[in-house]
Amino acid sequence: MNKIWQRGFTLVELLVVLVVLGLLISIIVPRAVGYLAGARSDTARIQMEAFASALDLYRLDMRAYPSTEAGLEALVTPPADTTRWRGPYLNTLEVPLDPWDNAYVYQSPGPGGTPYRLVSYGSDGREGGENEDADIITP
């Protein structure tokens, strides 16, 4: 047994190990990247749900949702000339960015008679797109 350990590995054995490692990496890396892309979209949806809860609390206090001009910033900074604001309505001192470091787009009133619309434009930061570039929109 001692002679086997002293002999070492041949070049062919090393190449076989490298090929096997390369195959494993080529299978694992795309799956991991796909999982991370899905995780960012899920994170954006969860943040948007938190915004929805905060916006509802804001509406209870202020009797209206923030205007488009006031934006989501009204959830952490009181609007001028108001005494009813009892925020901040988020657990942070600043409005968080989406998982791709872009600002969420807030519009009030929203289209079709909805009280507001909240959008993350995905990884490309532009309207439209597919997969990770797809827009995430509150109903």
Protein backbone atom coordinates (compact mmCIF):
# COMPACT_ATOMS: atom_id res chain seq x y z
CA MET A 1 0.00 0.00 0.00
CA ASN A 2 2.89 2.33 0.68
CA LYS A 3 4.05 2.04 -2.94
CA ILE A 4 0.66 3.24 -4.23
CA TRP A 5 0.89 6.51 -2.30
CA GLN A 6 4.45 7.14 -3.43
CA ARG A 7 3.58 6.63 -7.07
CA GLY A 8 1.30 9.73 -7.37
CA PHE A 9 -1.27 10.48 -10.05
CA THR A 10 -0.80 10.19 -13.78
CA LEU A 11 -1.68 13.01 -16.16
CA VAL A 12 -4.69 11.04 -17.44
CA GLU A 13 -6.07 10.63 -13.92
CA LEU A 14 -5.71 14.37 -13.28
CA LEU A 15 -7.46 15.18 -16.57
CA VAL A 16 -10.35 12.84 -15.71
CA VAL A 17 -10.78 14.56 -12.34
CA LEU A 18 -10.74 18.01 -14.01
CA VAL A 19 -13.35 16.91 -16.59
CA VAL A 20 -15.62 15.54 -13.87
CA LEU A 21 -15.27 18.78 -11.87
CA GLY A 22 -15.99 20.82 -14.99
CA LEU A 23 -19.16 18.83 -15.66
CA LEU A 24 -20.34 19.24 -12.10
CA ILE A 25 -19.73 23.00 -12.20
CA SER A 26 -21.53 23.33 -15.55
CA ILE A 27 -24.60 21.69 -14.01
CA ILE A 28 -24.59 23.44 -10.62
CA VAL A 29 -23.75 27.06 -11.57
CA PRO A 30 -26.72 27.68 -13.93
CA ARG A 31 -29.11 26.27 -11.33
CA ALA A 32 -27.64 28.47 -8.61
CA VAL A 33 -27.87 31.57 -10.83
CA GLY A 34 -31.49 30.76 -11.67
CA TYR A 35 -32.28 30.30 -8.00
CA LEU A 36 -30.73 33.68 -7.14
CA ALA A 37 -32.68 35.41 -9.92
CA GLY A 38 -35.92 33.99 -8.58
CA ALA A 39 -34.95 35.00 -5.06
CA ARG A 40 -34.57 38.65 -6.12
CA SER A 41 -38.01 38.66 -7.71
CA ASP A 42 -39.46 37.09 -4.57
CA THR A 43 -37.71 39.72 -2.44
CA ALA A 44 -39.23 42.50 -4.56
CA ARG A 45 -42.71 41.01 -4.13
CA ILE A 46 -42.23 40.77 -0.37
CA GLN A 47 -41.02 44.38 -0.17
CA MET A 48 -44.01 45.48 -2.21
CA GLU A 49 -46.34 43.69 0.21
CA ALA A 50 -44.67 45.58 3.06
CA PHE A 51 -45.22 48.83 1.14
CA ALA A 52 -48.88 47.90 0.67
CA SER A 53 -49.32 47.42 4.42
CA ALA A 54 -47.53 50.70 5.15
CA LEU A 55 -49.62 52.51 2.54
CA ASP A 56 -52.81 51.18 4.14
CA LEU A 57 -51.68 52.43 7.57
CA TYR A 58 -50.84 55.80 6.02
CA ARG A 59 -54.31 55.96 4.48
CA LEU A 60 -55.94 55.22 7.83
CA ASP A 61 -54.12 58.17 9.42
CA MET A 62 -54.18 60.62 6.53
CA ARG A 63 -57.53 59.55 4.96
CA ALA A 64 -55.87 59.20 1.55
CA TYR A 65 -52.92 57.46 -0.03
CA PRO A 66 -49.82 59.58 -0.69
CA SER A 67 -49.91 61.49 -3.96
CA THR A 68 -47.65 60.51 -6.81
CA GLU A 69 -45.59 63.62 -6.09
CA ALA A 70 -45.17 62.73 -2.39
CA GLY A 71 -44.38 59.14 -3.38
CA LEU A 72 -43.22 56.43 -1.02
CA GLU A 73 -41.10 59.02 0.77
CA ALA A 74 -44.30 60.04 2.60
CA LEU A 75 -44.09 56.74 4.46
CA VAL A 76 -40.88 57.81 6.24
CA THR A 77 -41.04 61.63 6.16
CA PRO A 78 -44.12 63.60 7.18
CA PRO A 79 -45.67 65.72 4.45
CA ALA A 80 -45.74 69.46 5.02
CA ASP A 81 -48.72 71.02 6.82
CA THR A 82 -50.16 67.91 8.41
CA THR A 83 -50.94 66.95 11.98
CA ARG A 84 -52.40 63.47 11.37
CA TRP A 85 -49.19 61.77 10.21
CA ARG A 86 -48.15 59.17 12.81
CA GLY A 87 -45.30 57.48 10.97
CA PRO A 88 -42.82 56.44 10.00
CA TYR A 89 -44.79 53.59 8.49
CA LEU A 90 -41.73 51.58 7.43
CA ASN A 91 -39.12 50.03 9.71
CA THR A 92 -36.36 51.93 7.93
CA LEU A 93 -35.38 55.58 7.85
CA GLU A 94 -35.23 55.52 4.05
CA VAL A 95 -37.42 53.99 1.39
CA PRO A 96 -35.60 50.81 0.33
CA LEU A 97 -34.56 50.23 -3.26
CA ASP A 98 -35.63 47.11 -5.11
CA PRO A 99 -33.24 44.12 -5.11
CA TRP A 100 -31.53 45.47 -8.26
CA ASP A 101 -30.83 48.86 -6.59
CA ASN A 102 -33.51 50.72 -8.57
CA ALA A 103 -36.21 52.89 -7.03
CA TYR A 104 -39.74 51.53 -6.93
CA VAL A 105 -42.17 53.48 -9.08
CA TYR A 106 -45.26 54.68 -7.19
CA GLN A 107 -48.34 56.17 -8.83
CA SER A 108 -51.55 57.31 -7.12
CA PRO A 109 -54.24 56.92 -8.23
CA GLY A 110 -53.39 53.82 -10.17
CA PRO A 111 -54.81 52.72 -13.51
CA GLY A 112 -58.32 51.34 -13.79
CA GLY A 113 -59.61 52.94 -10.60
CA THR A 114 -57.09 51.30 -8.27
CA PRO A 115 -55.93 53.48 -5.38
CA TYR A 116 -52.26 53.16 -6.32
CA ARG A 117 -49.79 51.28 -8.46
CA LEU A 118 -46.35 50.13 -7.36
CA VAL A 119 -43.80 48.80 -9.87
CA SER A 120 -40.31 47.35 -9.89
CA TYR A 121 -38.89 47.27 -13.41
CA GLY A 122 -36.67 44.25 -12.70
CA SER A 123 -32.96 43.89 -13.27
CA ASP A 124 -32.80 46.12 -16.36
CA GLY A 125 -34.59 49.02 -14.65
CA ARG A 126 -36.77 49.62 -17.73
CA GLU A 127 -40.41 48.98 -18.45
CA GLY A 128 -41.15 45.57 -19.98
CA GLY A 129 -38.82 42.64 -20.25
CA GLU A 130 -38.79 38.93 -19.61
CA ASN A 131 -37.42 36.62 -16.93
CA GLU A 132 -35.33 38.66 -14.47
CA ASP A 133 -35.97 41.83 -16.50
CA ALA A 134 -39.75 41.41 -16.14
CA ASP A 135 -41.75 44.09 -14.35
CA ILE A 136 -43.23 43.27 -10.96
CA ILE A 137 -46.48 45.20 -10.50
CA THR A 138 -48.94 45.43 -7.62
CA PRO A 139 -52.51 44.84 -8.69
